[in-house]
Amino acid sequence: MQLSVSIIATDPACILPQCLDSANKLSDDVVIITNSSHKFINYSDQKNFATSKCKYDWVLSLDADEWLEDGLIKEIKDIKDWDYGGFLIRRKNIIFRKVMNHTNWEPQADKHIWLYNQKMGKWSGNVHEEVKVSGRIGELKSCKMHVNYISVEQFMNKLNDYTSRETKIINPFLDFVRRYIWHRGFLDGWHGLFSSYLMMIYHLTVWVKKKSSLS
């Protein structure tokens, strides 16, 4: 089955070499959309626009800071049954240069539809966007890699934009407990503790912004 790969990026310079290498190993149709080539409204709009430029019905969506494990490339190439609307793919998150195995960043917790038939699916949501598809949903076993945050500065720089777009209000203290205790973030060492703390700050910021806008 022929497929396209769509990549969104702030600008071409931020696209990781591994991202382009993965895309080229899978497809002869790699579509790259930057904020200068299409006015950024939100992430769903950006990804839907990228999809609209793809040549094939099946599309694999990548962000500029993501790439595919060799096993996932092979698994996609070996798919025999394409009678689905999309496929769930697990993601390994690298936070502060460590692959997270817990803390709600683990692959089993972070799996979404990133390979889909564009005739049966569309992106929705302003932030933490998802593909909504009709038809059956399959699941692949291998993972894609994601350099999530390499520094606290990067997290804080994104925080203001993301929290302004966020629509869900989540209790920040319960989220900390969920990540650090329920998802066993303590097994990720200080990375688990600190990323749980930063996400508590994230949800607390969302709560303050929403409450402030209502007053």
N, C-alpha and C. Protein backbone atom coordinates (compact mmCIF):
# COMPACT_ATOMS: atom_id res chain seq x y z
N MET A 1 0.84 -1.19 0.00
CA MET A 1 0.00 0.00 0.00
C MET A 1 0.88 1.25 0.00
N GLN A 2 0.64 2.15 -0.93
CA GLN A 2 1.38 3.41 -0.95
C GLN A 2 0.78 4.37 0.06
N LEU A 3 1.63 5.12 0.73
CA LEU A 3 1.16 6.09 1.71
C LEU A 3 2.00 7.36 1.63
N SER A 4 1.43 8.44 2.12
CA SER A 4 2.12 9.72 2.22
C SER A 4 2.56 9.94 3.66
N VAL A 5 3.54 10.79 3.84
CA VAL A 5 3.97 11.21 5.18
C VAL A 5 3.81 12.72 5.25
N SER A 6 3.08 13.19 6.26
CA SER A 6 2.92 14.63 6.46
C SER A 6 3.69 15.05 7.69
N ILE A 7 4.41 16.16 7.58
CA ILE A 7 5.22 16.69 8.67
C ILE A 7 4.87 18.16 8.86
N ILE A 8 4.54 18.55 10.09
CA ILE A 8 4.35 19.98 10.38
C ILE A 8 5.51 20.45 11.24
N ALA A 9 5.92 21.68 11.01
CA ALA A 9 7.06 22.23 11.73
C ALA A 9 6.94 23.75 11.80
N THR A 10 7.52 24.33 12.82
CA THR A 10 7.56 25.79 12.91
C THR A 10 8.32 26.34 11.71
N ASP A 11 9.48 25.73 11.43
CA ASP A 11 10.28 26.09 10.26
C ASP A 11 11.13 24.89 9.90
N PRO A 12 11.68 24.84 8.69
CA PRO A 12 12.45 23.66 8.26
C PRO A 12 13.63 23.32 9.15
N ALA A 13 14.24 24.34 9.76
CA ALA A 13 15.44 24.11 10.57
C ALA A 13 15.19 23.26 11.80
N CYS A 14 13.93 23.20 12.26
CA CYS A 14 13.65 22.44 13.49
C CYS A 14 13.29 20.99 13.21
N ILE A 15 13.28 20.58 11.95
CA ILE A 15 12.96 19.18 11.62
C ILE A 15 14.19 18.32 11.87
N LEU A 16 14.05 17.33 12.72
CA LEU A 16 15.17 16.44 13.02
C LEU A 16 15.55 15.61 11.79
N PRO A 17 16.84 15.38 11.58
CA PRO A 17 17.27 14.53 10.45
C PRO A 17 16.63 13.14 10.49
N GLN A 18 16.46 12.61 11.73
CA GLN A 18 15.84 11.28 11.86
C GLN A 18 14.40 11.28 11.36
N CYS A 19 13.72 12.42 11.53
CA CYS A 19 12.33 12.54 11.08
C CYS A 19 12.27 12.40 9.56
N LEU A 20 13.11 13.14 8.86
CA LEU A 20 13.12 13.09 7.40
C LEU A 20 13.59 11.73 6.90
N ASP A 21 14.54 11.15 7.60
CA ASP A 21 15.03 9.83 7.20
C ASP A 21 13.92 8.79 7.29
N SER A 22 13.15 8.81 8.39
CA SER A 22 12.03 7.88 8.54
C SER A 22 11.00 8.07 7.44
N ALA A 23 10.68 9.34 7.15
CA ALA A 23 9.68 9.64 6.14
C ALA A 23 10.11 9.13 4.77
N ASN A 24 11.36 9.35 4.43
CA ASN A 24 11.85 8.94 3.11
C ASN A 24 11.96 7.43 2.97
N LYS A 25 12.11 6.73 4.09
CA LYS A 25 12.16 5.27 4.03
C LYS A 25 10.79 4.66 3.77
N LEU A 26 9.73 5.43 4.05
CA LEU A 26 8.37 4.91 3.91
C LEU A 26 7.65 5.38 2.66
N SER A 27 8.00 6.56 2.15
CA SER A 27 7.15 7.14 1.12
C SER A 27 7.93 7.97 0.12
N ASP A 28 7.38 8.04 -1.10
CA ASP A 28 7.92 8.95 -2.11
C ASP A 28 7.14 10.26 -2.13
N ASP A 29 6.22 10.40 -1.17
CA ASP A 29 5.41 11.61 -1.06
C ASP A 29 5.49 12.13 0.36
N VAL A 30 6.45 13.01 0.62
CA VAL A 30 6.64 13.60 1.94
C VAL A 30 6.23 15.06 1.87
N VAL A 31 5.19 15.41 2.62
CA VAL A 31 4.64 16.77 2.60
C VAL A 31 5.08 17.49 3.88
N ILE A 32 5.75 18.63 3.73
CA ILE A 32 6.21 19.42 4.87
C ILE A 32 5.49 20.76 4.86
N ILE A 33 4.81 21.06 5.96
CA ILE A 33 4.10 22.33 6.10
C ILE A 33 4.70 23.09 7.29
N THR A 34 5.14 24.31 7.03
CA THR A 34 5.69 25.16 8.09
C THR A 34 4.74 26.32 8.36
N ASN A 35 5.01 27.06 9.41
CA ASN A 35 4.15 28.20 9.75
C ASN A 35 4.22 29.32 8.71
N SER A 36 5.29 29.33 7.92
CA SER A 36 5.39 30.33 6.86
C SER A 36 4.68 29.89 5.58
N SER A 37 4.55 28.56 5.40
CA SER A 37 3.88 28.07 4.19
C SER A 37 2.37 28.00 4.37
N HIS A 38 1.90 27.97 5.61
CA HIS A 38 0.46 27.99 5.90
C HIS A 38 0.27 28.69 7.23
N LYS A 39 -0.55 29.71 7.27
CA LYS A 39 -0.76 30.48 8.49
C LYS A 39 -1.26 29.58 9.62
N PHE A 40 -0.55 29.62 10.73
CA PHE A 40 -0.90 28.75 11.86
C PHE A 40 -2.13 29.29 12.59
N ILE A 41 -3.15 28.43 12.70
CA ILE A 41 -4.34 28.74 13.49
C ILE A 41 -4.35 27.86 14.74
N ASN A 42 -4.28 26.58 14.53
CA ASN A 42 -4.11 25.61 15.60
C ASN A 42 -3.52 24.34 15.00
N TYR A 43 -3.19 23.38 15.85
CA TYR A 43 -2.49 22.20 15.38
C TYR A 43 -3.36 21.32 14.48
N SER A 44 -4.64 21.23 14.77
CA SER A 44 -5.53 20.42 13.93
C SER A 44 -5.63 21.01 12.53
N ASP A 45 -5.81 22.32 12.45
CA ASP A 45 -5.90 22.97 11.15
C ASP A 45 -4.61 22.78 10.35
N GLN A 46 -3.47 22.88 11.03
CA GLN A 46 -2.19 22.72 10.35
C GLN A 46 -2.04 21.30 9.79
N LYS A 47 -2.45 20.31 10.60
CA LYS A 47 -2.30 18.93 10.16
C LYS A 47 -3.33 18.56 9.09
N ASN A 48 -4.53 19.10 9.19
CA ASN A 48 -5.53 18.85 8.14
C ASN A 48 -5.10 19.48 6.82
N PHE A 49 -4.47 20.65 6.89
CA PHE A 49 -3.97 21.28 5.67
C PHE A 49 -2.85 20.43 5.06
N ALA A 50 -1.95 19.93 5.91
CA ALA A 50 -0.87 19.06 5.41
C ALA A 50 -1.44 17.81 4.75
N THR A 51 -2.46 17.24 5.37
CA THR A 51 -3.10 16.05 4.80
C THR A 51 -3.71 16.34 3.44
N SER A 52 -4.30 17.52 3.29
CA SER A 52 -4.95 17.88 2.03
C SER A 52 -3.95 17.96 0.88
N LYS A 53 -2.67 18.10 1.18
CA LYS A 53 -1.64 18.19 0.15
C LYS A 53 -1.02 16.82 -0.16
N CYS A 54 -1.44 15.79 0.56
CA CYS A 54 -0.87 14.46 0.37
C CYS A 54 -1.44 13.78 -0.88
N LYS A 55 -0.61 13.02 -1.54
CA LYS A 55 -0.99 12.38 -2.79
C LYS A 55 -1.81 11.12 -2.58
N TYR A 56 -1.52 10.39 -1.52
CA TYR A 56 -2.17 9.09 -1.30
C TYR A 56 -3.25 9.19 -0.21
N ASP A 57 -4.16 8.21 -0.23
CA ASP A 57 -5.24 8.19 0.76
C ASP A 57 -4.70 7.95 2.17
N TRP A 58 -3.73 7.03 2.27
CA TRP A 58 -3.18 6.73 3.59
C TRP A 58 -2.07 7.71 3.95
N VAL A 59 -2.15 8.23 5.16
CA VAL A 59 -1.22 9.27 5.60
C VAL A 59 -0.64 8.91 6.97
N LEU A 60 0.66 9.03 7.08
CA LEU A 60 1.33 8.92 8.38
C LEU A 60 1.71 10.33 8.81
N SER A 61 1.26 10.74 9.98
CA SER A 61 1.53 12.09 10.48
C SER A 61 2.72 12.07 11.44
N LEU A 62 3.68 12.97 11.17
CA LEU A 62 4.84 13.12 12.04
C LEU A 62 5.00 14.59 12.42
N ASP A 63 5.45 14.82 13.64
CA ASP A 63 5.88 16.16 14.02
C ASP A 63 7.38 16.27 13.76
N ALA A 64 7.88 17.48 13.78
CA ALA A 64 9.28 17.71 13.44
C ALA A 64 10.25 17.06 14.42
N ASP A 65 9.78 16.79 15.65
CA ASP A 65 10.65 16.21 16.68
C ASP A 65 10.38 14.73 16.90
N GLU A 66 9.86 14.06 15.87
CA GLU A 66 9.53 12.63 15.96
C GLU A 66 10.22 11.85 14.84
N TRP A 67 10.43 10.56 15.10
CA TRP A 67 10.90 9.66 14.05
C TRP A 67 10.44 8.25 14.39
N LEU A 68 10.60 7.32 13.46
CA LEU A 68 10.11 5.96 13.63
C LEU A 68 11.24 5.00 13.95
N GLU A 69 10.98 4.10 14.88
CA GLU A 69 11.89 2.99 15.10
C GLU A 69 11.95 2.14 13.83
N ASP A 70 13.08 1.49 13.61
CA ASP A 70 13.20 0.63 12.43
C ASP A 70 12.12 -0.44 12.42
N GLY A 71 11.79 -0.94 13.62
CA GLY A 71 10.77 -1.97 13.72
C GLY A 71 9.41 -1.48 13.26
N LEU A 72 9.11 -0.21 13.52
CA LEU A 72 7.83 0.35 13.10
C LEU A 72 7.79 0.55 11.60
N ILE A 73 8.90 0.98 11.01
CA ILE A 73 8.97 1.12 9.56
C ILE A 73 8.68 -0.22 8.90
N LYS A 74 9.31 -1.28 9.40
CA LYS A 74 9.09 -2.61 8.85
C LYS A 74 7.66 -3.06 9.06
N GLU A 75 7.11 -2.79 10.25
CA GLU A 75 5.75 -3.21 10.56
C GLU A 75 4.73 -2.55 9.63
N ILE A 76 4.93 -1.28 9.34
CA ILE A 76 4.02 -0.58 8.44
C ILE A 76 4.13 -1.15 7.03
N LYS A 77 5.36 -1.40 6.60
CA LYS A 77 5.56 -1.97 5.26
C LYS A 77 4.96 -3.36 5.13
N ASP A 78 4.88 -4.09 6.25
CA ASP A 78 4.39 -5.46 6.23
C ASP A 78 2.88 -5.58 6.45
N ILE A 79 2.16 -4.46 6.62
CA ILE A 79 0.71 -4.52 6.82
C ILE A 79 0.05 -5.16 5.59
N LYS A 80 -0.74 -6.18 5.83
CA LYS A 80 -1.45 -6.86 4.73
C LYS A 80 -2.92 -6.43 4.66
N ASP A 81 -3.53 -6.20 5.81
CA ASP A 81 -4.95 -5.84 5.86
C ASP A 81 -5.08 -4.34 6.12
N TRP A 82 -5.51 -3.61 5.10
CA TRP A 82 -5.69 -2.16 5.20
C TRP A 82 -7.15 -1.78 5.33
N ASP A 83 -7.97 -2.74 5.69
CA ASP A 83 -9.42 -2.47 5.81
C ASP A 83 -9.72 -1.82 7.17
N TYR A 84 -9.13 -0.69 7.40
CA TYR A 84 -9.28 0.05 8.65
C TYR A 84 -9.43 1.54 8.33
N GLY A 85 -9.93 2.28 9.33
CA GLY A 85 -9.93 3.73 9.21
C GLY A 85 -8.60 4.33 9.63
N GLY A 86 -7.91 3.63 10.54
CA GLY A 86 -6.62 4.12 11.02
C GLY A 86 -5.96 3.11 11.94
N PHE A 87 -4.73 3.38 12.29
CA PHE A 87 -3.96 2.51 13.19
C PHE A 87 -3.41 3.31 14.37
N LEU A 88 -3.57 2.76 15.56
CA LEU A 88 -2.93 3.33 16.75
C LEU A 88 -1.44 3.02 16.72
N ILE A 89 -0.64 4.01 17.08
CA ILE A 89 0.81 3.83 17.17
C ILE A 89 1.26 4.32 18.54
N ARG A 90 2.09 3.53 19.18
CA ARG A 90 2.63 3.91 20.49
C ARG A 90 3.81 4.87 20.30
N ARG A 91 4.04 5.69 21.32
CA ARG A 91 5.11 6.68 21.23
C ARG A 91 5.98 6.62 22.47
N LYS A 92 7.31 6.60 22.26
CA LYS A 92 8.27 6.69 23.35
C LYS A 92 8.69 8.15 23.49
N ASN A 93 8.48 8.70 24.67
CA ASN A 93 8.80 10.10 24.92
C ASN A 93 10.15 10.25 25.59
N ILE A 94 10.96 11.14 25.03
CA ILE A 94 12.26 11.46 25.60
C ILE A 94 12.14 12.81 26.30
N ILE A 95 12.27 12.81 27.61
CA ILE A 95 12.14 14.03 28.40
C ILE A 95 13.44 14.26 29.18
N PHE A 96 14.03 15.41 28.98
CA PHE A 96 15.32 15.74 29.60
C PHE A 96 16.34 14.64 29.31
N ARG A 97 16.31 14.17 28.05
CA ARG A 97 17.26 13.21 27.48
C ARG A 97 17.10 11.80 28.03
N LYS A 98 15.94 11.49 28.62
CA LYS A 98 15.67 10.14 29.12
C LYS A 98 14.39 9.60 28.50
N VAL A 99 14.43 8.34 28.04
CA VAL A 99 13.21 7.68 27.57
C VAL A 99 12.35 7.34 28.77
N MET A 100 11.12 7.85 28.78
CA MET A 100 10.23 7.66 29.92
C MET A 100 9.48 6.33 29.79
N ASN A 101 9.55 5.53 30.84
CA ASN A 101 8.86 4.24 30.86
C ASN A 101 7.63 4.25 31.75
N HIS A 102 7.38 5.39 32.41
CA HIS A 102 6.26 5.52 33.34
C HIS A 102 5.74 6.96 33.27
N THR A 103 5.11 7.44 34.35
CA THR A 103 4.72 8.85 34.52
C THR A 103 3.66 9.31 33.53
N ASN A 104 2.90 8.36 32.95
CA ASN A 104 1.89 8.64 31.92
C ASN A 104 2.51 9.12 30.61
N TRP A 105 3.82 8.98 30.51
CA TRP A 105 4.51 9.24 29.24
C TRP A 105 4.89 7.92 28.57
N GLU A 106 4.59 6.78 29.20
CA GLU A 106 4.99 5.50 28.67
C GLU A 106 4.24 5.19 27.38
N PRO A 107 4.83 4.35 26.50
CA PRO A 107 4.20 4.06 25.19
C PRO A 107 2.77 3.56 25.29
N GLN A 108 2.46 2.72 26.26
CA GLN A 108 1.11 2.18 26.37
C GLN A 108 0.09 3.26 26.70
N ALA A 109 0.53 4.30 27.41
CA ALA A 109 -0.37 5.40 27.77
C ALA A 109 -0.45 6.45 26.67
N ASP A 110 0.61 6.54 25.87
CA ASP A 110 0.66 7.56 24.81
C ASP A 110 0.58 6.90 23.44
N LYS A 111 -0.58 6.37 23.13
CA LYS A 111 -0.81 5.79 21.81
C LYS A 111 -2.03 6.45 21.17
N HIS A 112 -1.88 6.79 19.90
CA HIS A 112 -2.91 7.54 19.19
C HIS A 112 -2.94 7.11 17.74
N ILE A 113 -3.94 7.57 17.02
CA ILE A 113 -4.03 7.29 15.59
C ILE A 113 -3.15 8.28 14.86
N TRP A 114 -2.04 7.79 14.33
CA TRP A 114 -1.15 8.64 13.54
C TRP A 114 -1.03 8.14 12.10
N LEU A 115 -1.53 6.94 11.84
CA LEU A 115 -1.57 6.39 10.48
C LEU A 115 -3.04 6.18 10.15
N TYR A 116 -3.54 6.87 9.13
CA TYR A 116 -4.98 6.85 8.89
C TYR A 116 -5.30 7.09 7.42
N ASN A 117 -6.51 6.69 7.04
CA ASN A 117 -7.03 6.94 5.70
C ASN A 117 -7.70 8.31 5.70
N GLN A 118 -7.20 9.23 4.93
CA GLN A 118 -7.71 10.60 4.98
C GLN A 118 -9.15 10.71 4.49
N LYS A 119 -9.64 9.69 3.79
CA LYS A 119 -11.04 9.69 3.38
C LYS A 119 -11.96 9.31 4.54
N MET A 120 -11.37 8.79 5.61
CA MET A 120 -12.15 8.31 6.75
C MET A 120 -11.78 9.00 8.06
N GLY A 121 -10.85 9.95 8.02
CA GLY A 121 -10.40 10.56 9.26
C GLY A 121 -10.03 12.02 9.10
N LYS A 122 -10.09 12.74 10.23
CA LYS A 122 -9.78 14.16 10.25
C LYS A 122 -9.28 14.56 11.64
N TRP A 123 -8.35 15.51 11.68
CA TRP A 123 -7.83 16.01 12.96
C TRP A 123 -8.83 16.95 13.60
N SER A 124 -8.91 16.91 14.94
CA SER A 124 -9.77 17.83 15.69
C SER A 124 -9.10 18.17 17.00
N GLY A 125 -9.45 19.35 17.56
CA GLY A 125 -8.88 19.81 18.82
C GLY A 125 -7.84 20.89 18.61
N ASN A 126 -7.86 21.91 19.48
CA ASN A 126 -6.92 23.02 19.36
C ASN A 126 -5.51 22.65 19.80
N VAL A 127 -5.43 21.86 20.86
CA VAL A 127 -4.15 21.38 21.38
C VAL A 127 -4.38 19.95 21.86
N HIS A 128 -3.32 19.13 21.87
CA HIS A 128 -3.47 17.69 22.11
C HIS A 128 -4.47 17.12 21.09
N GLU A 129 -4.28 17.51 19.85
CA GLU A 129 -5.20 17.15 18.76
C GLU A 129 -5.22 15.64 18.52
N GLU A 130 -6.34 15.15 18.03
CA GLU A 130 -6.52 13.73 17.76
C GLU A 130 -7.14 13.54 16.38
N VAL A 131 -6.87 12.39 15.77
CA VAL A 131 -7.55 12.01 14.54
C VAL A 131 -8.82 11.25 14.90
N LYS A 132 -9.95 11.71 14.38
CA LYS A 132 -11.21 11.00 14.55
C LYS A 132 -11.50 10.27 13.24
N VAL A 133 -11.67 8.95 13.30
CA VAL A 133 -11.88 8.17 12.09
C VAL A 133 -13.17 7.37 12.17
N SER A 134 -13.70 7.05 11.01
CA SER A 134 -14.78 6.08 10.92
C SER A 134 -14.16 4.75 10.51
N GLY A 135 -14.86 3.66 10.79
CA GLY A 135 -14.32 2.35 10.45
C GLY A 135 -13.51 1.76 11.59
N ARG A 136 -12.97 0.59 11.32
CA ARG A 136 -12.19 -0.13 12.33
C ARG A 136 -10.87 0.57 12.63
N ILE A 137 -10.39 0.35 13.85
CA ILE A 137 -9.10 0.90 14.25
C ILE A 137 -8.17 -0.24 14.62
N GLY A 138 -7.04 -0.32 13.95
CA GLY A 138 -6.03 -1.32 14.27
C GLY A 138 -4.99 -0.76 15.22
N GLU A 139 -4.06 -1.60 15.62
CA GLU A 139 -2.99 -1.14 16.52
C GLU A 139 -1.68 -1.81 16.14
N LEU A 140 -0.62 -1.01 16.01
CA LEU A 140 0.70 -1.52 15.70
C LEU A 140 1.50 -1.70 16.99
N LYS A 141 2.50 -2.56 16.95
CA LYS A 141 3.22 -2.92 18.17
C LYS A 141 4.46 -2.06 18.41
N SER A 142 5.12 -1.66 17.36
CA SER A 142 6.35 -0.88 17.51
C SER A 142 6.04 0.58 17.77
N CYS A 143 7.07 1.36 18.05
CA CYS A 143 6.86 2.74 18.51
C CYS A 143 7.50 3.77 17.59
N LYS A 144 6.98 4.99 17.70
CA LYS A 144 7.72 6.13 17.17
C LYS A 144 8.34 6.86 18.35
N MET A 145 9.41 7.59 18.07
CA MET A 145 10.16 8.29 19.10
C MET A 145 9.79 9.76 19.09
N HIS A 146 9.83 10.39 20.25
CA HIS A 146 9.43 11.79 20.38
C HIS A 146 10.35 12.50 21.36
N VAL A 147 11.10 13.47 20.87
CA VAL A 147 11.89 14.31 21.77
C VAL A 147 10.94 15.35 22.34
N ASN A 148 10.38 15.05 23.49
CA ASN A 148 9.30 15.88 24.03
C ASN A 148 9.82 17.20 24.57
N TYR A 149 10.64 17.14 25.60
CA TYR A 149 11.26 18.34 26.16
C TYR A 149 12.71 18.03 26.46
N ILE A 150 13.60 18.92 26.00
CA ILE A 150 15.01 18.70 26.28
C ILE A 150 15.49 19.57 27.45
N SER A 151 14.67 20.55 27.86
CA SER A 151 15.07 21.42 28.96
C SER A 151 13.83 22.01 29.61
N VAL A 152 14.00 22.49 30.83
CA VAL A 152 12.92 23.17 31.53
C VAL A 152 12.53 24.44 30.78
N GLU A 153 13.53 25.12 30.22
CA GLU A 153 13.27 26.35 29.48
C GLU A 153 12.32 26.09 28.31
N GLN A 154 12.53 24.99 27.61
CA GLN A 154 11.65 24.66 26.49
C GLN A 154 10.23 24.39 26.97
N PHE A 155 10.10 23.68 28.08
CA PHE A 155 8.78 23.42 28.64
C PHE A 155 8.08 24.72 28.99
N MET A 156 8.78 25.63 29.66
CA MET A 156 8.16 26.88 30.09
C MET A 156 7.82 27.78 28.91
N ASN A 157 8.64 27.73 27.85
CA ASN A 157 8.36 28.53 26.66
C ASN A 157 7.07 28.07 25.98
N LYS A 158 6.81 26.77 26.02
CA LYS A 158 5.60 26.23 25.39
C LYS A 158 4.38 26.37 26.30
N LEU A 159 4.62 26.48 27.60
CA LEU A 159 3.53 26.44 28.56
C LEU A 159 2.48 27.53 28.31
N ASN A 160 2.91 28.74 28.07
CA ASN A 160 1.95 29.84 27.92
C ASN A 160 1.04 29.62 26.71
N ASP A 161 1.63 29.21 25.59
CA ASP A 161 0.83 28.98 24.38
C ASP A 161 -0.12 27.81 24.57
N TYR A 162 0.39 26.69 25.07
CA TYR A 162 -0.43 25.48 25.21
C TYR A 162 -1.56 25.69 26.21
N THR A 163 -1.26 26.34 27.33
CA THR A 163 -2.31 26.50 28.35
C THR A 163 -3.39 27.47 27.90
N SER A 164 -3.05 28.38 27.01
CA SER A 164 -4.06 29.31 26.48
C SER A 164 -5.00 28.60 25.51
N ARG A 165 -4.51 27.56 24.85
CA ARG A 165 -5.33 26.81 23.90
C ARG A 165 -6.08 25.65 24.56
N GLU A 166 -5.62 25.24 25.73
CA GLU A 166 -6.20 24.08 26.41
C GLU A 166 -7.67 24.31 26.74
N THR A 167 -8.50 23.29 26.53
CA THR A 167 -9.94 23.40 26.82
C THR A 167 -10.35 22.59 28.04
N LYS A 168 -9.54 21.62 28.44
CA LYS A 168 -9.90 20.77 29.58
C LYS A 168 -9.29 21.32 30.86
N ILE A 169 -10.11 21.37 31.90
CA ILE A 169 -9.60 21.74 33.22
C ILE A 169 -9.45 20.46 34.04
N ILE A 170 -8.23 20.17 34.45
CA ILE A 170 -7.92 18.97 35.22
C ILE A 170 -7.33 19.39 36.55
N ASN A 171 -7.78 18.75 37.62
CA ASN A 171 -7.25 19.06 38.95
C ASN A 171 -5.73 18.82 38.95
N PRO A 172 -4.94 19.86 39.15
CA PRO A 172 -3.48 19.72 39.03
C PRO A 172 -2.87 18.78 40.07
N PHE A 173 -3.43 18.76 41.25
CA PHE A 173 -2.86 17.92 42.31
C PHE A 173 -3.21 16.44 42.09
N LEU A 174 -4.42 16.19 41.60
CA LEU A 174 -4.79 14.81 41.26
C LEU A 174 -3.98 14.31 40.08
N ASP A 175 -3.67 15.21 39.13
CA ASP A 175 -2.85 14.81 37.99
C ASP A 175 -1.45 14.43 38.44
N PHE A 176 -0.91 15.16 39.41
CA PHE A 176 0.41 14.79 39.95
C PHE A 176 0.37 13.39 40.55
N VAL A 177 -0.66 13.11 41.37
CA VAL A 177 -0.80 11.79 42.00
C VAL A 177 -0.97 10.71 40.93
N ARG A 178 -1.77 11.02 39.90
CA ARG A 178 -2.00 10.05 38.82
C ARG A 178 -0.70 9.69 38.12
N ARG A 179 0.11 10.70 37.84
CA ARG A 179 1.36 10.45 37.12
C ARG A 179 2.42 9.80 38.02
N TYR A 180 2.59 10.35 39.20
CA TYR A 180 3.71 9.92 40.04
C TYR A 180 3.43 8.62 40.79
N ILE A 181 2.15 8.40 41.18
CA ILE A 181 1.80 7.19 41.93
C ILE A 181 1.15 6.16 41.03
N TRP A 182 0.01 6.51 40.42
CA TRP A 182 -0.74 5.53 39.63
C TRP A 182 0.08 5.04 38.44
N HIS A 183 0.74 5.96 37.73
CA HIS A 183 1.57 5.58 36.58
C HIS A 183 3.03 5.34 36.98
N ARG A 184 3.27 5.25 38.27
CA ARG A 184 4.57 4.84 38.81
C ARG A 184 5.72 5.72 38.31
N GLY A 185 5.46 7.03 38.32
CA GLY A 185 6.50 7.96 37.90
C GLY A 185 7.75 7.88 38.75
N PHE A 186 7.62 7.42 39.98
CA PHE A 186 8.78 7.31 40.86
C PHE A 186 9.82 6.34 40.30
N LEU A 187 9.39 5.43 39.42
CA LEU A 187 10.34 4.49 38.81
C LEU A 187 11.18 5.15 37.72
N ASP A 188 10.77 6.34 37.29
CA ASP A 188 11.57 7.10 36.33
C ASP A 188 12.56 8.03 37.03
N GLY A 189 12.71 7.87 38.34
CA GLY A 189 13.67 8.67 39.08
C GLY A 189 13.28 10.14 39.13
N TRP A 190 14.29 11.02 39.14
CA TRP A 190 13.99 12.44 39.25
C TRP A 190 13.27 12.95 38.00
N HIS A 191 13.45 12.26 36.87
CA HIS A 191 12.73 12.66 35.66
C HIS A 191 11.22 12.50 35.88
N GLY A 192 10.82 11.42 36.53
CA GLY A 192 9.40 11.20 36.80
C GLY A 192 8.84 12.20 37.79
N LEU A 193 9.62 12.49 38.84
CA LEU A 193 9.18 13.46 39.84
C LEU A 193 9.05 14.85 39.23
N PHE A 194 10.08 15.27 38.50
CA PHE A 194 10.08 16.64 38.00
C PHE A 194 9.08 16.84 36.87
N SER A 195 8.92 15.83 35.98
CA SER A 195 7.93 15.97 34.90
C SER A 195 6.51 15.95 35.47
N SER A 196 6.28 15.19 36.53
CA SER A 196 4.97 15.20 37.19
C SER A 196 4.70 16.57 37.80
N TYR A 197 5.73 17.14 38.41
CA TYR A 197 5.61 18.48 38.99
C TYR A 197 5.32 19.53 37.91
N LEU A 198 6.04 19.47 36.79
CA LEU A 198 5.84 20.44 35.72
C LEU A 198 4.44 20.34 35.12
N MET A 199 3.93 19.12 34.99
CA MET A 199 2.57 18.96 34.46
C MET A 199 1.53 19.45 35.47
N MET A 200 1.84 19.37 36.77
CA MET A 200 0.95 19.96 37.77
C MET A 200 0.91 21.48 37.58
N ILE A 201 2.06 22.09 37.33
CA ILE A 201 2.12 23.53 37.05
C ILE A 201 1.33 23.85 35.79
N TYR A 202 1.44 22.99 34.78
CA TYR A 202 0.70 23.20 33.54
C TYR A 202 -0.80 23.27 33.80
N HIS A 203 -1.33 22.26 34.50
CA HIS A 203 -2.78 22.22 34.75
C HIS A 203 -3.22 23.31 35.72
N LEU A 204 -2.35 23.68 36.65
CA LEU A 204 -2.67 24.79 37.54
C LEU A 204 -2.77 26.10 36.75
N THR A 205 -1.88 26.28 35.77
CA THR A 205 -1.91 27.47 34.93
C THR A 205 -3.19 27.52 34.09
N VAL A 206 -3.60 26.37 33.56
CA VAL A 206 -4.86 26.30 32.81
C VAL A 206 -6.02 26.72 33.71
N TRP A 207 -6.05 26.20 34.92
CA TRP A 207 -7.13 26.50 35.87
C TRP A 207 -7.18 27.99 36.17
N VAL A 208 -6.01 28.60 36.43
CA VAL A 208 -5.96 30.03 36.74
C VAL A 208 -6.42 30.86 35.55
N LYS A 209 -5.99 30.50 34.35
CA LYS A 209 -6.38 31.25 33.15
C LYS A 209 -7.89 31.17 32.92
N LYS A 210 -8.44 29.99 33.09
CA LYS A 210 -9.89 29.82 32.87
C LYS A 210 -10.68 30.59 33.91
N LYS A 211 -10.27 30.49 35.16
CA LYS A 211 -10.97 31.19 36.24
C LYS A 211 -10.87 32.71 36.07
N SER A 212 -9.70 33.17 35.64
CA SER A 212 -9.49 34.60 35.46
C SER A 212 -10.35 35.16 34.32
N SER A 213 -10.55 34.35 33.28
CA SER A 213 -11.34 34.81 32.14
C SER A 213 -12.83 34.90 32.47
N LEU A 214 -13.25 34.18 33.52
CA LEU A 214 -14.66 34.17 33.92
C LEU A 214 -14.99 35.30 34.91
N SER A 215 -13.96 35.87 35.52
CA SER A 215 -14.18 36.89 36.55
C SER A 215 -14.37 38.28 35.94
